[in-house]
């Protein structure tokens, strides 16, 4: 509610390069997305419950169903409302998933805020909330920096990151989300050997899959992009710059995926403090370097800074997990 009411202020602050019609369009779209955030939060809880119960297939089936319905609505109404319809459909997709998955909650029960489980959950959530409130502002910093540059650069950098995020989201669902319940169970039973085996296996598979994908992108990525976006208003230069940004963001591709595996290993042990501290310390050191790289080398410098940060981040997590990986402290 606070974000919704004050949107006109913080949007202009985060995106100083947006003025006139661009600013008004962004402001209207942001207000829709802020409302969507509420349902996204509810959906995250429902996803977590289903994941803890091992109902990963249910999550994917409902997600596909919601996407199909939202896509059909988008086709029929896009011509009338344009980009605004796309924003509303984005909300519809999340709302539908919440409705589809809410049955797992069962009948309403009044929460007992004094229960031991509630206190334990609150204790584990506290560092996550504080940490995310701090170092997840990284994306806001990107928007601030790139909004002062050329519009095309902003679009291409964001799009390059979205392509990698889309690819990694598949691997996260398959490799990371499914490993947390297994590792948590192994750790709770004191089966450290199994815990370590799962961690090593998922790290190896993640690294191999991402490496193959990155090599594939290096070899035929630009050619594939030309085919995919032949119908778009993208010039040959735009396609080449997008491909080059994908190359520079290679560290982001590896770091984001392997970083998820590392964080999941901590969460499976009930340790939410260590990965949060790592993120906060590295983010504090990273931000001034990132700003310098952008103003010194432009969008290329920003992409390299993002990649470097992600690589250092996941490497640091693996250092803290070394006893599980190599058997020594």
C-alpha atoms as a PDB file:
ATOM      1  CA  UNK A   1       0.000   0.000   0.000  1.00  0.00           C
ATOM      2  CA  UNK A   2       2.837   2.370   0.866  1.00  0.00           C
ATOM      3  CA  UNK A   3       4.594   1.633  -2.428  1.00  0.00           C
ATOM      4  CA  UNK A   4       1.348   2.173  -4.319  1.00  0.00           C
ATOM      5  CA  UNK A   5       0.608   5.561  -2.743  1.00  0.00           C
ATOM      6  CA  UNK A   6       4.174   6.866  -3.071  1.00  0.00           C
ATOM      7  CA  UNK A   7       4.870   5.425  -6.549  1.00  0.00           C
ATOM      8  CA  UNK A   8       4.970   8.850  -8.221  1.00  0.00           C
ATOM      9  CA  UNK A   9       7.885   9.779  -5.942  1.00  0.00           C
ATOM     10  CA  UNK A  10      10.097   6.700  -5.905  1.00  0.00           C
ATOM     11  CA  UNK A  11       9.665   5.904  -9.610  1.00  0.00           C
ATOM     12  CA  UNK A  12      11.042   9.332 -10.549  1.00  0.00           C
ATOM     13  CA  UNK A  13      13.883   8.831  -8.058  1.00  0.00           C
ATOM     14  CA  UNK A  14      14.852   5.351  -9.241  1.00  0.00           C
ATOM     15  CA  UNK A  15      14.463   6.215 -12.937  1.00  0.00           C
ATOM     16  CA  UNK A  16      15.617   9.844 -13.302  1.00  0.00           C
ATOM     17  CA  UNK A  17      16.113   9.371 -17.041  1.00  0.00           C
ATOM     18  CA  UNK A  18      12.388   8.732 -17.592  1.00  0.00           C
ATOM     19  CA  UNK A  19      10.387  11.894 -18.287  1.00  0.00           C
ATOM     20  CA  UNK A  20       7.126  12.914 -19.920  1.00  0.00           C
ATOM     21  CA  UNK A  21       5.172  10.072 -21.520  1.00  0.00           C
ATOM     22  CA  UNK A  22       7.843   7.490 -20.660  1.00  0.00           C
ATOM     23  CA  UNK A  23       7.582   8.394 -16.979  1.00  0.00           C
ATOM     24  CA  UNK A  24       3.756   8.305 -16.968  1.00  0.00           C
ATOM     25  CA  UNK A  25       3.678   4.943 -18.730  1.00  0.00           C
ATOM     26  CA  UNK A  26       6.206   3.503 -16.296  1.00  0.00           C
ATOM     27  CA  UNK A  27       4.301   4.906 -13.318  1.00  0.00           C
ATOM     28  CA  UNK A  28       1.012   3.326 -14.426  1.00  0.00           C
ATOM     29  CA  UNK A  29       2.635  -0.046 -15.099  1.00  0.00           C
ATOM     30  CA  UNK A  30       4.476   0.039 -11.768  1.00  0.00           C
ATOM     31  CA  UNK A  31       1.231   0.576  -9.863  1.00  0.00           C
ATOM     32  CA  UNK A  32      -0.231  -2.548 -11.457  1.00  0.00           C
ATOM     33  CA  UNK A  33       2.902  -4.543 -10.669  1.00  0.00           C
ATOM     34  CA  UNK A  34       2.907  -3.385  -7.044  1.00  0.00           C
ATOM     35  CA  UNK A  35      -0.538  -4.918  -6.588  1.00  0.00           C
ATOM     36  CA  UNK A  36       0.745  -8.072  -8.286  1.00  0.00           C
ATOM     37  CA  UNK A  37       3.470  -8.246  -5.599  1.00  0.00           C
ATOM     38  CA  UNK A  38       0.841  -9.062  -2.975  1.00  0.00           C
ATOM     39  CA  UNK A  39      -0.353 -12.129  -4.839  1.00  0.00           C
ATOM     40  CA  UNK A  40       3.243 -13.105  -5.670  1.00  0.00           C
ATOM     41  CA  UNK A  41       3.987 -13.188  -1.947  1.00  0.00           C
ATOM     42  CA  UNK A  42       1.003 -15.447  -1.339  1.00  0.00           C
ATOM     43  CA  UNK A  43       2.051 -17.658  -4.243  1.00  0.00           C
ATOM     44  CA  UNK A  44       5.551 -18.041  -2.787  1.00  0.00           C
ATOM     45  CA  UNK A  45       4.058 -19.445   0.410  1.00  0.00           C
ATOM     46  CA  UNK A  46       1.909 -21.917  -1.519  1.00  0.00           C
ATOM     47  CA  UNK A  47       4.893 -22.977  -3.633  1.00  0.00           C
ATOM     48  CA  UNK A  48       6.911 -23.572  -0.472  1.00  0.00           C
ATOM     49  CA  UNK A  49       4.168 -25.746   1.060  1.00  0.00           C
ATOM     50  CA  UNK A  50       3.835 -27.876  -2.076  1.00  0.00           C
ATOM     51  CA  UNK A  51       7.618 -28.171  -2.412  1.00  0.00           C
ATOM     52  CA  UNK A  52       7.935 -29.315   1.204  1.00  0.00           C
ATOM     53  CA  UNK A  53       5.342 -32.000   0.451  1.00  0.00           C
ATOM     54  CA  UNK A  54       7.191 -33.015  -2.717  1.00  0.00           C
ATOM     55  CA  UNK A  55       4.303 -31.919  -4.971  1.00  0.00           C
ATOM     56  CA  UNK A  56       6.501 -30.373  -7.645  1.00  0.00           C
ATOM     57  CA  UNK A  57       4.351 -31.681 -10.498  1.00  0.00           C
ATOM     58  CA  UNK A  58       1.288 -29.920  -9.079  1.00  0.00           C
ATOM     59  CA  UNK A  59       3.180 -26.626  -9.066  1.00  0.00           C
ATOM     60  CA  UNK A  60       4.147 -26.978 -12.710  1.00  0.00           C
ATOM     61  CA  UNK A  61       0.730 -28.151 -13.918  1.00  0.00           C
ATOM     62  CA  UNK A  62      -1.083 -25.235 -12.273  1.00  0.00           C
ATOM     63  CA  UNK A  63       1.562 -22.840 -13.582  1.00  0.00           C
ATOM     64  CA  UNK A  64       1.058 -24.100 -17.142  1.00  0.00           C
ATOM     65  CA  UNK A  65      -2.739 -23.871 -16.807  1.00  0.00           C
ATOM     66  CA  UNK A  66      -2.536 -20.293 -15.492  1.00  0.00           C
ATOM     67  CA  UNK A  67      -0.179 -19.314 -18.304  1.00  0.00           C
ATOM     68  CA  UNK A  68      -2.459 -20.774 -20.968  1.00  0.00           C
ATOM     69  CA  UNK A  69      -5.517 -18.949 -19.632  1.00  0.00           C
ATOM     70  CA  UNK A  70      -3.590 -15.678 -19.277  1.00  0.00           C
ATOM     71  CA  UNK A  71      -2.198 -16.027 -22.803  1.00  0.00           C
ATOM     72  CA  UNK A  72      -5.676 -16.536 -24.290  1.00  0.00           C
ATOM     73  CA  UNK A  73      -6.958 -13.443 -22.485  1.00  0.00           C
ATOM     74  CA  UNK A  74      -3.937 -11.493 -23.709  1.00  0.00           C
ATOM     75  CA  UNK A  75      -4.562 -12.440 -27.348  1.00  0.00           C
ATOM     76  CA  UNK A  76      -8.162 -11.211 -27.284  1.00  0.00           C
ATOM     77  CA  UNK A  77      -7.598  -7.980 -25.348  1.00  0.00           C
ATOM     78  CA  UNK A  78      -4.079  -6.858 -26.271  1.00  0.00           C
ATOM     79  CA  UNK A  79      -5.264  -4.722 -29.199  1.00  0.00           C
ATOM     80  CA  UNK A  80      -7.625  -2.796 -26.918  1.00  0.00           C
ATOM     81  CA  UNK A  81      -5.376  -2.041 -23.971  1.00  0.00           C
ATOM     82  CA  UNK A  82      -1.888  -2.631 -25.358  1.00  0.00           C
ATOM     83  CA  UNK A  83       0.945  -2.856 -22.836  1.00  0.00           C
ATOM     84  CA  UNK A  84      -1.475  -2.210 -19.970  1.00  0.00           C
ATOM     85  CA  UNK A  85      -3.262  -5.440 -20.820  1.00  0.00           C
ATOM     86  CA  UNK A  86       0.054  -7.267 -20.622  1.00  0.00           C
ATOM     87  CA  UNK A  87       0.520  -5.928 -17.079  1.00  0.00           C
ATOM     88  CA  UNK A  88      -3.000  -6.926 -16.010  1.00  0.00           C
ATOM     89  CA  UNK A  89      -2.550 -10.381 -17.533  1.00  0.00           C
ATOM     90  CA  UNK A  90       0.668 -10.738 -15.559  1.00  0.00           C
ATOM     91  CA  UNK A  91      -1.398 -10.206 -12.414  1.00  0.00           C
ATOM     92  CA  UNK A  92      -4.108 -12.583 -13.624  1.00  0.00           C
ATOM     93  CA  UNK A  93      -1.543 -15.341 -14.086  1.00  0.00           C
ATOM     94  CA  UNK A  94      -0.371 -15.048 -10.473  1.00  0.00           C
ATOM     95  CA  UNK A  95      -3.915 -14.798  -9.077  1.00  0.00           C
ATOM     96  CA  UNK A  96      -4.956 -17.952 -10.936  1.00  0.00           C
ATOM     97  CA  UNK A  97      -2.013 -19.892  -9.527  1.00  0.00           C
ATOM     98  CA  UNK A  98      -2.897 -18.748  -6.005  1.00  0.00           C
ATOM     99  CA  UNK A  99      -6.463 -19.966  -6.503  1.00  0.00           C
ATOM    100  CA  UNK A 100      -5.356 -23.296  -7.992  1.00  0.00           C
ATOM    101  CA  UNK A 101      -2.879 -24.062  -5.196  1.00  0.00           C
ATOM    102  CA  UNK A 102      -4.802 -22.714  -2.189  1.00  0.00           C
ATOM    103  CA  UNK A 103      -6.547 -26.033  -1.502  1.00  0.00           C
ATOM    104  CA  UNK A 104      -3.395 -27.297   0.199  1.00  0.00           C
ATOM    105  CA  UNK A 105      -4.084 -24.902   3.078  1.00  0.00           C
ATOM    106  CA  UNK A 106      -7.230 -26.731   4.156  1.00  0.00           C
ATOM    107  CA  UNK A 107      -9.813 -25.007   6.364  1.00  0.00           C
ATOM    108  CA  UNK A 108      -8.899 -21.749   8.068  1.00  0.00           C
ATOM    109  CA  UNK A 109      -7.182 -21.999  11.435  1.00  0.00           C
ATOM    110  CA  UNK A 110      -6.277 -19.080  13.636  1.00  0.00           C
ATOM    111  CA  UNK A 111      -2.461 -18.824  13.813  1.00  0.00           C
ATOM    112  CA  UNK A 112      -0.809 -19.318  17.178  1.00  0.00           C
ATOM    113  CA  UNK A 113       1.857 -16.643  17.315  1.00  0.00           C
ATOM    114  CA  UNK A 114       3.173 -18.009  20.602  1.00  0.00           C
ATOM    115  CA  UNK A 115       3.917 -21.484  19.289  1.00  0.00           C
ATOM    116  CA  UNK A 116       7.496 -22.758  19.191  1.00  0.00           C
ATOM    117  CA  UNK A 117       7.375 -23.380  15.432  1.00  0.00           C
ATOM    118  CA  UNK A 118       6.237 -19.816  14.786  1.00  0.00           C
ATOM    119  CA  UNK A 119       9.121 -18.425  16.858  1.00  0.00           C
ATOM    120  CA  UNK A 120      11.644 -20.662  15.095  1.00  0.00           C
ATOM    121  CA  UNK A 121      10.289 -19.638  11.696  1.00  0.00           C
ATOM    122  CA  UNK A 122      10.442 -15.977  12.676  1.00  0.00           C
ATOM    123  CA  UNK A 123      14.040 -16.347  13.823  1.00  0.00           C
ATOM    124  CA  UNK A 124      15.065 -17.948  10.517  1.00  0.00           C
ATOM    125  CA  UNK A 125      13.145 -15.429   8.430  1.00  0.00           C
ATOM    126  CA  UNK A 126      14.599 -12.367  10.133  1.00  0.00           C
ATOM    127  CA  UNK A 127      18.054 -12.440   8.456  1.00  0.00           C
ATOM    128  CA  UNK A 128      16.464 -13.255   5.085  1.00  0.00           C
ATOM    129  CA  UNK A 129      14.108 -10.298   5.250  1.00  0.00           C
ATOM    130  CA  UNK A 130      16.842  -7.915   6.381  1.00  0.00           C
ATOM    131  CA  UNK A 131      19.339  -9.206   3.848  1.00  0.00           C
ATOM    132  CA  UNK A 132      16.963  -9.111   0.885  1.00  0.00           C
ATOM    133  CA  UNK A 133      15.824  -5.637   1.816  1.00  0.00           C
ATOM    134  CA  UNK A 134      19.459  -4.598   1.455  1.00  0.00           C
ATOM    135  CA  UNK A 135      21.277  -6.456  -1.307  1.00  0.00           C
ATOM    136  CA  UNK A 136      18.285  -7.211  -3.519  1.00  0.00           C
ATOM    137  CA  UNK A 137      18.192  -3.477  -4.230  1.00  0.00           C
ATOM    138  CA  UNK A 138      20.839  -4.413  -6.789  1.00  0.00           C
ATOM    139  CA  UNK A 139      18.166  -4.520  -9.503  1.00  0.00           C
ATOM    140  CA  UNK A 140      16.975  -1.045  -8.509  1.00  0.00           C
ATOM    141  CA  UNK A 141      20.520   0.243  -8.840  1.00  0.00           C
ATOM    142  CA  UNK A 142      20.674  -1.248 -12.348  1.00  0.00           C
ATOM    143  CA  UNK A 143      17.485   0.530 -13.332  1.00  0.00           C
ATOM    144  CA  UNK A 144      18.766   3.805 -11.891  1.00  0.00           C
ATOM    145  CA  UNK A 145      22.069   3.630 -13.739  1.00  0.00           C
ATOM    146  CA  UNK A 146      20.741   2.441 -17.080  1.00  0.00           C
ATOM    147  CA  UNK A 147      17.784   4.849 -17.097  1.00  0.00           C
ATOM    148  CA  UNK A 148      20.293   7.678 -17.486  1.00  0.00           C
ATOM    149  CA  UNK A 149      21.760   6.029 -20.599  1.00  0.00           C
ATOM    150  CA  UNK A 150      20.392   5.290 -24.033  1.00  0.00           C
ATOM    151  CA  UNK A 151      16.918   3.637 -24.065  1.00  0.00           C
ATOM    152  CA  UNK A 152      18.140   0.885 -26.400  1.00  0.00           C
ATOM    153  CA  UNK A 153      20.948  -0.057 -24.036  1.00  0.00           C
ATOM    154  CA  UNK A 154      18.523  -0.287 -21.115  1.00  0.00           C
ATOM    155  CA  UNK A 155      16.236  -2.595 -23.068  1.00  0.00           C
ATOM    156  CA  UNK A 156      19.014  -4.870 -24.326  1.00  0.00           C
ATOM    157  CA  UNK A 157      20.714  -5.246 -20.936  1.00  0.00           C
ATOM    158  CA  UNK A 158      17.438  -6.017 -19.190  1.00  0.00           C
ATOM    159  CA  UNK A 159      16.469  -8.426 -21.943  1.00  0.00           C
ATOM    160  CA  UNK A 160      19.819 -10.228 -21.776  1.00  0.00           C
ATOM    161  CA  UNK A 161      19.400 -10.730 -18.025  1.00  0.00           C
ATOM    162  CA  UNK A 162      15.809 -11.896 -18.508  1.00  0.00           C
ATOM    163  CA  UNK A 163      16.934 -14.514 -21.036  1.00  0.00           C
ATOM    164  CA  UNK A 164      19.407 -15.938 -18.538  1.00  0.00           C
ATOM    165  CA  UNK A 165      16.877 -15.712 -15.711  1.00  0.00           C
ATOM    166  CA  UNK A 166      14.379 -17.655 -17.813  1.00  0.00           C
ATOM    167  CA  UNK A 167      16.963 -20.365 -18.523  1.00  0.00           C
ATOM    168  CA  UNK A 168      18.086 -20.557 -14.908  1.00  0.00           C
ATOM    169  CA  UNK A 169      14.517 -20.686 -13.614  1.00  0.00           C
ATOM    170  CA  UNK A 170      14.104 -24.030 -15.359  1.00  0.00           C
ATOM    171  CA  UNK A 171      17.254 -25.436 -13.780  1.00  0.00           C
ATOM    172  CA  UNK A 172      16.316 -23.999 -10.369  1.00  0.00           C
ATOM    173  CA  UNK A 173      12.934 -25.742 -10.475  1.00  0.00           C
ATOM    174  CA  UNK A 174      14.436 -29.055 -11.550  1.00  0.00           C
ATOM    175  CA  UNK A 175      17.733 -29.122  -9.653  1.00  0.00           C
ATOM    176  CA  UNK A 176      17.442 -26.748  -6.686  1.00  0.00           C
ATOM    177  CA  UNK A 177      13.834 -26.831  -5.513  1.00  0.00           C
ATOM    178  CA  UNK A 178      13.790 -30.625  -5.548  1.00  0.00           C
ATOM    179  CA  UNK A 179      17.029 -30.939  -3.588  1.00  0.00           C
ATOM    180  CA  UNK A 180      16.046 -28.861  -0.551  1.00  0.00           C
ATOM    181  CA  UNK A 181      13.510 -31.327   0.938  1.00  0.00           C
ATOM    182  CA  UNK A 182      15.939 -34.229   0.376  1.00  0.00           C
ATOM    183  CA  UNK A 183      18.875 -32.410   1.942  1.00  0.00           C
ATOM    184  CA  UNK A 184      16.775 -31.103   4.833  1.00  0.00           C
ATOM    185  CA  UNK A 185      15.602 -34.634   5.580  1.00  0.00           C
ATOM    186  CA  UNK A 186      19.160 -35.996   5.389  1.00  0.00           C
ATOM    187  CA  UNK A 187      20.463 -33.274   7.704  1.00  0.00           C
ATOM    188  CA  UNK A 188      17.612 -33.778  10.187  1.00  0.00           C
ATOM    189  CA  UNK A 189      18.411 -37.510  10.284  1.00  0.00           C
ATOM    190  CA  UNK A 190      22.108 -36.807  10.806  1.00  0.00           C
ATOM    191  CA  UNK A 191      22.975 -38.432   7.462  1.00  0.00           C
ATOM    192  CA  UNK A 192      25.758 -36.030   6.493  1.00  0.00           C
ATOM    193  CA  UNK A 193      27.127 -38.425   3.866  1.00  0.00           C
ATOM    194  CA  UNK A 194      23.857 -38.311   1.931  1.00  0.00           C
ATOM    195  CA  UNK A 195      23.636 -34.532   2.431  1.00  0.00           C
ATOM    196  CA  UNK A 196      27.125 -34.081   0.972  1.00  0.00           C
ATOM    197  CA  UNK A 197      26.429 -36.463  -1.900  1.00  0.00           C
ATOM    198  CA  UNK A 198      23.286 -34.597  -2.955  1.00  0.00           C
ATOM    199  CA  UNK A 199      25.098 -31.243  -2.807  1.00  0.00           C
ATOM    200  CA  UNK A 200      28.056 -32.429  -4.910  1.00  0.00           C
ATOM    201  CA  UNK A 201      25.810 -34.095  -7.464  1.00  0.00           C
ATOM    202  CA  UNK A 202      23.584 -31.050  -7.936  1.00  0.00           C
ATOM    203  CA  UNK A 203      26.577 -28.723  -8.205  1.00  0.00           C
ATOM    204  CA  UNK A 204      28.198 -30.932 -10.848  1.00  0.00           C
ATOM    205  CA  UNK A 205      25.001 -31.282 -12.889  1.00  0.00           C
ATOM    206  CA  UNK A 206      24.345 -27.531 -12.663  1.00  0.00           C
ATOM    207  CA  UNK A 207      27.857 -26.654 -13.783  1.00  0.00           C
ATOM    208  CA  UNK A 208      27.771 -29.093 -16.717  1.00  0.00           C
ATOM    209  CA  UNK A 209      24.329 -27.945 -17.913  1.00  0.00           C
ATOM    210  CA  UNK A 210      25.202 -24.253 -17.676  1.00  0.00           C
ATOM    211  CA  UNK A 211      28.561 -24.816 -19.405  1.00  0.00           C
ATOM    212  CA  UNK A 212      26.906 -26.609 -22.316  1.00  0.00           C
ATOM    213  CA  UNK A 213      24.303 -23.847 -22.594  1.00  0.00           C
ATOM    214  CA  UNK A 214      26.934 -21.097 -22.540  1.00  0.00           C
ATOM    215  CA  UNK A 215      29.092 -22.811 -25.177  1.00  0.00           C
ATOM    216  CA  UNK A 216      25.974 -23.264 -27.304  1.00  0.00           C
ATOM    217  CA  UNK A 217      25.252 -19.545 -26.955  1.00  0.00           C
ATOM    218  CA  UNK A 218      28.847 -18.625 -27.929  1.00  0.00           C
ATOM    219  CA  UNK A 219      28.819 -20.773 -31.047  1.00  0.00           C
ATOM    220  CA  UNK A 220      25.373 -20.206 -32.539  1.00  0.00           C
ATOM    221  CA  UNK A 221      23.744 -17.720 -30.167  1.00  0.00           C
ATOM    222  CA  UNK A 222      23.960 -14.713 -32.466  1.00  0.00           C
ATOM    223  CA  UNK A 223      22.630 -16.690 -35.437  1.00  0.00           C
ATOM    224  CA  UNK A 224      19.740 -17.989 -33.334  1.00  0.00           C
ATOM    225  CA  UNK A 225      18.904 -14.506 -32.063  1.00  0.00           C
ATOM    226  CA  UNK A 226      18.751 -13.242 -35.655  1.00  0.00           C
ATOM    227  CA  UNK A 227      16.146 -15.898 -36.453  1.00  0.00           C
ATOM    228  CA  UNK A 228      14.115 -15.377 -33.290  1.00  0.00           C
ATOM    229  CA  UNK A 229      13.930 -11.603 -33.619  1.00  0.00           C
ATOM    230  CA  UNK A 230      13.734 -11.284 -37.393  1.00  0.00           C
ATOM    231  CA  UNK A 231      10.144 -10.050 -37.039  1.00  0.00           C
ATOM    232  CA  UNK A 232      11.024  -7.511 -34.353  1.00  0.00           C
ATOM    233  CA  UNK A 233      12.209  -3.959 -34.859  1.00  0.00           C
ATOM    234  CA  UNK A 234      15.775  -4.989 -34.085  1.00  0.00           C
ATOM    235  CA  UNK A 235      18.628  -4.147 -36.394  1.00  0.00           C
ATOM    236  CA  UNK A 236      21.644  -6.346 -37.027  1.00  0.00           C
ATOM    237  CA  UNK A 237      23.555  -4.082 -34.658  1.00  0.00           C
ATOM    238  CA  UNK A 238      20.981  -4.566 -31.909  1.00  0.00           C
ATOM    239  CA  UNK A 239      21.150  -8.346 -32.249  1.00  0.00           C
ATOM    240  CA  UNK A 240      24.945  -8.307 -32.132  1.00  0.00           C
ATOM    241  CA  UNK A 241      24.963  -6.064 -29.051  1.00  0.00           C
ATOM    242  CA  UNK A 242      22.426  -8.328 -27.336  1.00  0.00           C
ATOM    243  CA  UNK A 243      24.606 -11.354 -28.081  1.00  0.00           C
ATOM    244  CA  UNK A 244      27.703  -9.531 -26.837  1.00  0.00           C
ATOM    245  CA  UNK A 245      25.927  -8.596 -23.593  1.00  0.00           C
ATOM    246  CA  UNK A 246      24.975 -12.263 -23.161  1.00  0.00           C
ATOM    247  CA  UNK A 247      28.658 -13.146 -23.521  1.00  0.00           C
ATOM    248  CA  UNK A 248      29.696 -10.548 -20.951  1.00  0.00           C
ATOM    249  CA  UNK A 249      26.947 -11.736 -18.599  1.00  0.00           C
ATOM    250  CA  UNK A 250      28.289 -15.303 -18.687  1.00  0.00           C
ATOM    251  CA  UNK A 251      29.402 -14.975 -15.071  1.00  0.00           C
ATOM    252  CA  UNK A 252      25.866 -13.952 -14.177  1.00  0.00           C
ATOM    253  CA  UNK A 253      24.550 -17.145 -15.815  1.00  0.00           C
ATOM    254  CA  UNK A 254      26.932 -19.390 -13.852  1.00  0.00           C
ATOM    255  CA  UNK A 255      26.830 -17.412 -10.636  1.00  0.00           C
ATOM    256  CA  UNK A 256      23.064 -17.156 -10.414  1.00  0.00           C
ATOM    257  CA  UNK A 257      22.517 -20.888 -10.917  1.00  0.00           C
ATOM    258  CA  UNK A 258      25.348 -22.238  -8.765  1.00  0.00           C
ATOM    259  CA  UNK A 259      24.626 -19.534  -6.191  1.00  0.00           C
ATOM    260  CA  UNK A 260      21.085 -20.907  -5.872  1.00  0.00           C
ATOM    261  CA  UNK A 261      22.500 -24.370  -5.197  1.00  0.00           C
ATOM    262  CA  UNK A 262      24.834 -22.976  -2.539  1.00  0.00           C
ATOM    263  CA  UNK A 263      22.083 -21.008  -0.814  1.00  0.00           C
ATOM    264  CA  UNK A 264      19.782 -24.041  -0.890  1.00  0.00           C
ATOM    265  CA  UNK A 265      22.453 -26.084   0.884  1.00  0.00           C
ATOM    266  CA  UNK A 266      22.469 -23.569   3.738  1.00  0.00           C
ATOM    267  CA  UNK A 267      18.676 -23.365   3.893  1.00  0.00           C
ATOM    268  CA  UNK A 268      18.411 -27.166   4.041  1.00  0.00           C
ATOM    269  CA  UNK A 269      20.446 -27.018   7.257  1.00  0.00           C
ATOM    270  CA  UNK A 270      18.215 -24.273   8.631  1.00  0.00           C
ATOM    271  CA  UNK A 271      21.057 -21.767   8.251  1.00  0.00           C
ATOM    272  CA  UNK A 272      19.625 -18.543   6.839  1.00  0.00           C
ATOM    273  CA  UNK A 273      22.231 -16.298   8.470  1.00  0.00           C
ATOM    274  CA  UNK A 274      25.424 -17.324   6.634  1.00  0.00           C
ATOM    275  CA  UNK A 275      24.240 -16.764   3.026  1.00  0.00           C
ATOM    276  CA  UNK A 276      22.623 -13.488   4.076  1.00  0.00           C
ATOM    277  CA  UNK A 277      25.840 -12.200   5.657  1.00  0.00           C
ATOM    278  CA  UNK A 278      27.801 -13.215   2.570  1.00  0.00           C
ATOM    279  CA  UNK A 279      25.371 -11.357   0.351  1.00  0.00           C
ATOM    280  CA  UNK A 280      25.355  -8.202   2.474  1.00  0.00           C
ATOM    281  CA  UNK A 281      29.143  -7.947   2.758  1.00  0.00           C
ATOM    282  CA  UNK A 282      29.774  -8.594  -0.935  1.00  0.00           C
ATOM    283  CA  UNK A 283      26.992  -6.249  -1.993  1.00  0.00           C
ATOM    284  CA  UNK A 284      28.471  -3.433   0.098  1.00  0.00           C
ATOM    285  CA  UNK A 285      31.836  -3.884  -1.629  1.00  0.00           C
ATOM    286  CA  UNK A 286      30.264  -4.406  -5.033  1.00  0.00           C
ATOM    287  CA  UNK A 287      28.065  -1.314  -5.359  1.00  0.00           C
ATOM    288  CA  UNK A 288      30.786   1.383  -5.568  1.00  0.00           C
ATOM    289  CA  UNK A 289      32.755  -0.785  -8.027  1.00  0.00           C
ATOM    290  CA  UNK A 290      29.646  -1.283 -10.126  1.00  0.00           C
ATOM    291  CA  UNK A 291      28.870   2.439 -10.253  1.00  0.00           C
ATOM    292  CA  UNK A 292      32.456   3.223 -11.214  1.00  0.00           C
ATOM    293  CA  UNK A 293      32.441   0.598 -13.994  1.00  0.00           C
ATOM    294  CA  UNK A 294      29.223   1.978 -15.443  1.00  0.00           C
ATOM    295  CA  UNK A 295      30.303   5.617 -15.545  1.00  0.00           C
ATOM    296  CA  UNK A 296      33.764   4.656 -16.794  1.00  0.00           C
ATOM    297  CA  UNK A 297      32.877   1.964 -19.365  1.00  0.00           C
ATOM    298  CA  UNK A 298      29.117   2.302 -19.885  1.00  0.00           C
ATOM    299  CA  UNK A 299      26.760  -0.620 -20.336  1.00  0.00           C
ATOM    300  CA  UNK A 300      29.681  -2.970 -21.096  1.00  0.00           C
ATOM    301  CA  UNK A 301      31.335  -2.147 -17.788  1.00  0.00           C
ATOM    302  CA  UNK A 302      28.045  -2.682 -15.969  1.00  0.00           C
ATOM    303  CA  UNK A 303      27.610  -6.140 -17.535  1.00  0.00           C
ATOM    304  CA  UNK A 304      31.166  -7.160 -16.571  1.00  0.00           C
ATOM    305  CA  UNK A 305      30.648  -5.895 -13.019  1.00  0.00           C
ATOM    306  CA  UNK A 306      27.412  -7.914 -12.690  1.00  0.00           C
ATOM    307  CA  UNK A 307      29.150 -11.075 -13.927  1.00  0.00           C
ATOM    308  CA  UNK A 308      32.156 -10.635 -11.663  1.00  0.00           C
ATOM    309  CA  UNK A 309      29.976 -10.064  -8.622  1.00  0.00           C
ATOM    310  CA  UNK A 310      27.951 -13.225  -9.246  1.00  0.00           C
ATOM    311  CA  UNK A 311      31.093 -15.345  -9.682  1.00  0.00           C
ATOM    312  CA  UNK A 312      32.636 -14.010  -6.463  1.00  0.00           C
ATOM    313  CA  UNK A 313      29.335 -14.513  -4.659  1.00  0.00           C
ATOM    314  CA  UNK A 314      28.885 -18.187  -5.510  1.00  0.00           C
ATOM    315  CA  UNK A 315      32.616 -18.869  -4.976  1.00  0.00           C
ATOM    316  CA  UNK A 316      32.387 -17.435  -1.464  1.00  0.00           C
ATOM    317  CA  UNK A 317      29.388 -19.625  -0.660  1.00  0.00           C
ATOM    318  CA  UNK A 318      31.292 -22.699  -1.824  1.00  0.00           C
ATOM    319  CA  UNK A 319      34.208 -21.725   0.423  1.00  0.00           C
ATOM    320  CA  UNK A 320      31.847 -21.766   3.406  1.00  0.00           C
ATOM    321  CA  UNK A 321      30.515 -25.145   2.235  1.00  0.00           C
ATOM    322  CA  UNK A 322      33.997 -26.639   1.753  1.00  0.00           C
ATOM    323  CA  UNK A 323      33.649 -29.181   4.558  1.00  0.00           C
ATOM    324  CA  UNK A 324      30.664 -30.665   2.730  1.00  0.00           C
ATOM    325  CA  UNK A 325      32.458 -30.576  -0.616  1.00  0.00           C
ATOM    326  CA  UNK A 326      35.973 -31.607   0.334  1.00  0.00           C
ATOM    327  CA  UNK A 327      35.664 -33.006   3.834  1.00  0.00           C
ATOM    328  CA  UNK A 328      37.763 -30.419   5.622  1.00  0.00           C
ATOM    329  CA  UNK A 329      37.032 -27.278   7.597  1.00  0.00           C
END
